[in-house]
């Protein structure tokens, strides 16, 4: 075939090649779109599953807090959680139950920096169980002392919550607005039981 013949068929060859290339690009884009759609659906499904699991876990956590409140005849029970996980620098309260007429800690303990109450934060992270029978003399950080005072806390017990690696994931607080002689054996027993039911399912603070 001479040059003139090739030149005669060149537009047709180019057109055919263009059609093939366009079809390949269209198929490639279609495949990418379908893969993207699949990933989006998978993400939505995982989010729905995670949301249901979080809701189920939250229901269990609140149930345990109510149990502690009534079994120990307390005035306020809540969980302080360090966050963000992996780079914990703040403390917040999401889970809380209290008796009618009692002020909440949740409104006051939100994104408080640990550096603003270093002594108390360190004790929360270190101690499995703490009993504070006199806030004024046993709490060193002025910020913590002021918050307890504003919310009428006179004495309290605190139980550390651990994850499966024994890392600190939160602290369970049981508080009284009047001075009371806590039965430490009973308090520790009830809070240990609640901690075991809470600590491995406690949702991350968001």
Protein backbone atom coordinates (compact mmCIF):
# COMPACT_ATOMS: atom_id res chain seq x y z
CA UNK A 1 0.00 0.00 0.00
CA UNK A 2 1.51 3.31 -1.06
CA UNK A 3 1.53 6.56 0.89
CA UNK A 4 -1.45 7.98 -0.98
CA UNK A 5 -3.57 4.97 -0.01
CA UNK A 6 -2.56 5.30 3.61
CA UNK A 7 -3.39 9.00 3.59
CA UNK A 8 -6.78 8.16 2.08
CA UNK A 9 -7.67 5.88 5.00
CA UNK A 10 -5.95 7.94 7.70
CA UNK A 11 -9.06 9.94 8.74
CA UNK A 12 -11.03 6.73 9.13
CA UNK A 13 -8.20 5.12 11.11
CA UNK A 14 -7.93 8.20 13.38
CA UNK A 15 -11.71 8.25 13.83
CA UNK A 16 -11.78 4.56 14.74
CA UNK A 17 -8.88 4.99 17.15
CA UNK A 18 -10.60 7.98 18.70
CA UNK A 19 -13.79 5.97 19.17
CA UNK A 20 -11.84 3.16 20.86
CA UNK A 21 -9.97 5.59 23.13
CA UNK A 22 -13.19 7.43 24.02
CA UNK A 23 -14.89 4.13 24.80
CA UNK A 24 -11.94 3.08 27.00
CA UNK A 25 -12.02 6.37 28.91
CA UNK A 26 -15.80 6.12 29.31
CA UNK A 27 -15.51 2.55 30.63
CA UNK A 28 -12.64 3.52 32.92
CA UNK A 29 -14.63 6.45 34.34
CA UNK A 30 -17.72 4.26 34.73
CA UNK A 31 -15.66 1.70 36.67
CA UNK A 32 -14.22 4.42 38.91
CA UNK A 33 -17.71 5.85 39.53
CA UNK A 34 -19.09 2.43 40.43
CA UNK A 35 -16.13 1.80 42.77
CA UNK A 36 -16.67 5.21 44.38
CA UNK A 37 -20.39 4.48 44.80
CA UNK A 38 -19.54 1.12 46.37
CA UNK A 39 -17.10 2.73 48.81
CA UNK A 40 -19.67 5.39 49.74
CA UNK A 41 -22.33 2.75 50.41
CA UNK A 42 -19.86 0.70 52.45
CA UNK A 43 -18.94 3.80 54.49
CA UNK A 44 -22.61 4.62 55.09
CA UNK A 45 -23.29 1.04 56.17
CA UNK A 46 -20.34 1.09 58.56
CA UNK A 47 -21.48 4.43 59.97
CA UNK A 48 -25.01 3.10 60.54
CA UNK A 49 -23.59 0.02 62.29
CA UNK A 50 -21.25 2.15 64.42
CA UNK A 51 -24.10 4.51 65.29
CA UNK A 52 -26.34 1.63 66.41
CA UNK A 53 -23.50 0.14 68.45
CA UNK A 54 -22.78 3.54 70.04
CA UNK A 55 -26.46 4.01 70.92
CA UNK A 56 -26.65 0.52 72.42
CA UNK A 57 -23.47 1.13 74.43
CA UNK A 58 -24.72 4.53 75.62
CA UNK A 59 -27.95 2.96 76.86
CA UNK A 60 -25.94 0.45 78.91
CA UNK A 61 -23.68 3.20 80.30
CA UNK A 62 -26.63 5.34 81.41
CA UNK A 63 -28.28 2.29 82.96
CA UNK A 64 -25.16 1.59 85.02
CA UNK A 65 -24.96 5.21 86.18
CA UNK A 66 -28.57 5.15 87.37
CA UNK A 67 -27.85 1.89 89.20
CA UNK A 68 -24.89 3.44 91.03
CA UNK A 69 -26.93 6.55 91.87
CA UNK A 70 -29.70 4.61 93.60
CA UNK A 71 -27.69 1.76 95.11
CA UNK A 72 -25.34 4.22 96.82
CA UNK A 73 -28.04 6.82 97.51
CA UNK A 74 -25.84 9.41 95.75
CA UNK A 75 -26.82 12.82 94.39
CA UNK A 76 -24.84 12.84 91.15
CA UNK A 77 -23.00 10.18 89.12
CA UNK A 78 -21.07 10.90 85.94
CA UNK A 79 -18.05 10.00 83.84
CA UNK A 80 -15.14 12.31 83.09
CA UNK A 81 -13.42 11.34 79.83
CA UNK A 82 -9.97 12.38 78.57
CA UNK A 83 -9.82 13.30 74.89
CA UNK A 84 -8.91 13.33 72.05
CA UNK A 85 -7.81 9.70 72.22
CA UNK A 86 -4.14 9.23 71.51
CA UNK A 87 -3.34 12.83 72.38
CA UNK A 88 -5.34 13.39 75.54
CA UNK A 89 -5.17 16.96 76.75
CA UNK A 90 -8.74 17.81 77.74
CA UNK A 91 -11.44 16.49 80.08
CA UNK A 92 -15.19 16.51 79.42
CA UNK A 93 -18.42 15.01 80.74
CA UNK A 94 -21.04 13.49 78.45
CA UNK A 95 -22.60 10.73 80.57
CA UNK A 96 -24.29 12.01 83.74
CA UNK A 97 -27.31 11.21 85.92
CA UNK A 98 -28.47 13.14 88.99
CA UNK A 99 -31.32 13.54 91.40
CA UNK A 100 -33.99 16.12 90.78
CA UNK A 101 -32.89 19.61 91.81
CA UNK A 102 -29.18 18.76 91.72
CA UNK A 103 -26.94 20.85 89.47
CA UNK A 104 -25.12 19.03 86.71
CA UNK A 105 -21.39 18.76 86.14
CA UNK A 106 -21.85 18.22 82.42
CA UNK A 107 -22.47 21.93 81.84
CA UNK A 108 -19.25 22.88 83.66
CA UNK A 109 -16.82 20.15 82.65
CA UNK A 110 -16.43 20.61 78.91
CA UNK A 111 -13.06 20.68 77.15
CA UNK A 112 -11.17 21.66 80.29
CA UNK A 113 -7.44 21.42 79.72
CA UNK A 114 -5.61 18.99 81.98
CA UNK A 115 -2.86 21.57 82.29
CA UNK A 116 -5.36 23.80 84.14
CA UNK A 117 -5.78 21.14 86.85
CA UNK A 118 -2.58 19.08 86.68
CA UNK A 119 -2.66 17.62 90.20
CA UNK A 120 -6.22 16.28 89.98
CA UNK A 121 -5.77 15.08 86.37
CA UNK A 122 -2.69 13.14 87.42
CA UNK A 123 -4.55 11.51 90.30
CA UNK A 124 -7.40 10.49 88.01
CA UNK A 125 -4.98 8.83 85.63
CA UNK A 126 -2.97 7.05 88.34
CA UNK A 127 -5.40 5.90 91.01
CA UNK A 128 -7.78 2.97 90.61
CA UNK A 129 -10.00 4.22 93.45
CA UNK A 130 -10.18 7.57 95.24
CA UNK A 131 -12.22 8.64 98.25
CA UNK A 132 -12.48 12.36 98.96
CA UNK A 133 -14.27 13.02 102.23
CA UNK A 134 -13.37 16.71 102.43
CA UNK A 135 -13.04 18.65 99.17
CA UNK A 136 -11.49 21.72 100.81
CA UNK A 137 -8.55 19.87 102.34
CA UNK A 138 -8.05 16.96 99.92
CA UNK A 139 -8.28 18.71 96.54
CA UNK A 140 -5.26 20.79 95.57
CA UNK A 141 -6.27 22.35 92.24
CA UNK A 142 -8.26 25.52 92.80
CA UNK A 143 -10.24 25.10 89.56
CA UNK A 144 -11.47 21.66 90.61
CA UNK A 145 -12.25 22.86 94.12
CA UNK A 146 -14.25 25.78 92.71
CA UNK A 147 -16.29 23.51 90.40
CA UNK A 148 -17.12 21.13 93.23
CA UNK A 149 -18.10 24.07 95.42
CA UNK A 150 -20.34 25.63 92.76
CA UNK A 151 -22.14 22.32 92.24
CA UNK A 152 -22.48 21.66 95.98
CA UNK A 153 -20.23 18.62 96.12
CA UNK A 154 -19.11 17.85 99.70
CA UNK A 155 -17.62 14.37 99.30
CA UNK A 156 -17.15 11.86 96.52
CA UNK A 157 -15.67 8.60 95.29
CA UNK A 158 -13.90 8.14 91.96
CA UNK A 159 -13.20 4.88 90.10
CA UNK A 160 -10.73 4.75 87.21
CA UNK A 161 -11.97 3.19 83.95
CA UNK A 162 -9.50 1.22 81.80
CA UNK A 163 -9.66 -0.22 78.31
CA UNK A 164 -8.40 -3.66 77.32
CA UNK A 165 -4.80 -2.41 77.39
CA UNK A 166 -5.26 -0.93 80.88
CA UNK A 167 -5.08 2.59 79.46
CA UNK A 168 -7.12 5.27 81.22
CA UNK A 169 -10.31 6.00 79.27
CA UNK A 170 -12.29 7.85 81.93
CA UNK A 171 -13.25 8.13 85.59
CA UNK A 172 -16.55 7.25 87.23
CA UNK A 173 -17.61 9.86 89.81
CA UNK A 174 -20.12 9.32 92.61
CA UNK A 175 -20.90 12.51 94.53
CA UNK A 176 -22.83 13.69 97.58
CA UNK A 177 -24.00 17.24 98.22
CA UNK A 178 -23.98 16.73 102.00
CA UNK A 179 -21.25 15.35 104.21
CA UNK A 180 -21.85 11.65 104.68
CA UNK A 181 -19.98 8.66 106.05
CA UNK A 182 -19.51 6.59 102.91
CA UNK A 183 -19.43 2.84 103.44
CA UNK A 184 -16.20 2.48 101.50
CA UNK A 185 -16.48 -1.27 101.07
CA UNK A 186 -19.98 -0.96 99.60
CA UNK A 187 -19.06 2.06 97.45
CA UNK A 188 -16.02 0.30 96.04
CA UNK A 189 -17.96 -2.89 95.37
CA UNK A 190 -20.79 -1.10 93.53
CA UNK A 191 -18.44 1.12 91.54
CA UNK A 192 -16.18 -1.82 90.63
CA UNK A 193 -19.19 -3.67 89.26
CA UNK A 194 -20.33 -0.65 87.24
CA UNK A 195 -16.79 -0.03 85.97
CA UNK A 196 -16.51 -3.59 84.66
CA UNK A 197 -19.79 -3.18 82.79
CA UNK A 198 -18.87 0.25 81.37
CA UNK A 199 -15.16 0.54 80.66
CA UNK A 200 -14.84 -1.85 77.70
CA UNK A 201 -17.85 -0.43 75.83
CA UNK A 202 -17.55 3.26 76.74
CA UNK A 203 -17.90 5.26 73.50
CA UNK A 204 -15.20 7.81 72.78
CA UNK A 205 -16.04 11.38 73.73
CA UNK A 206 -17.12 13.39 70.66
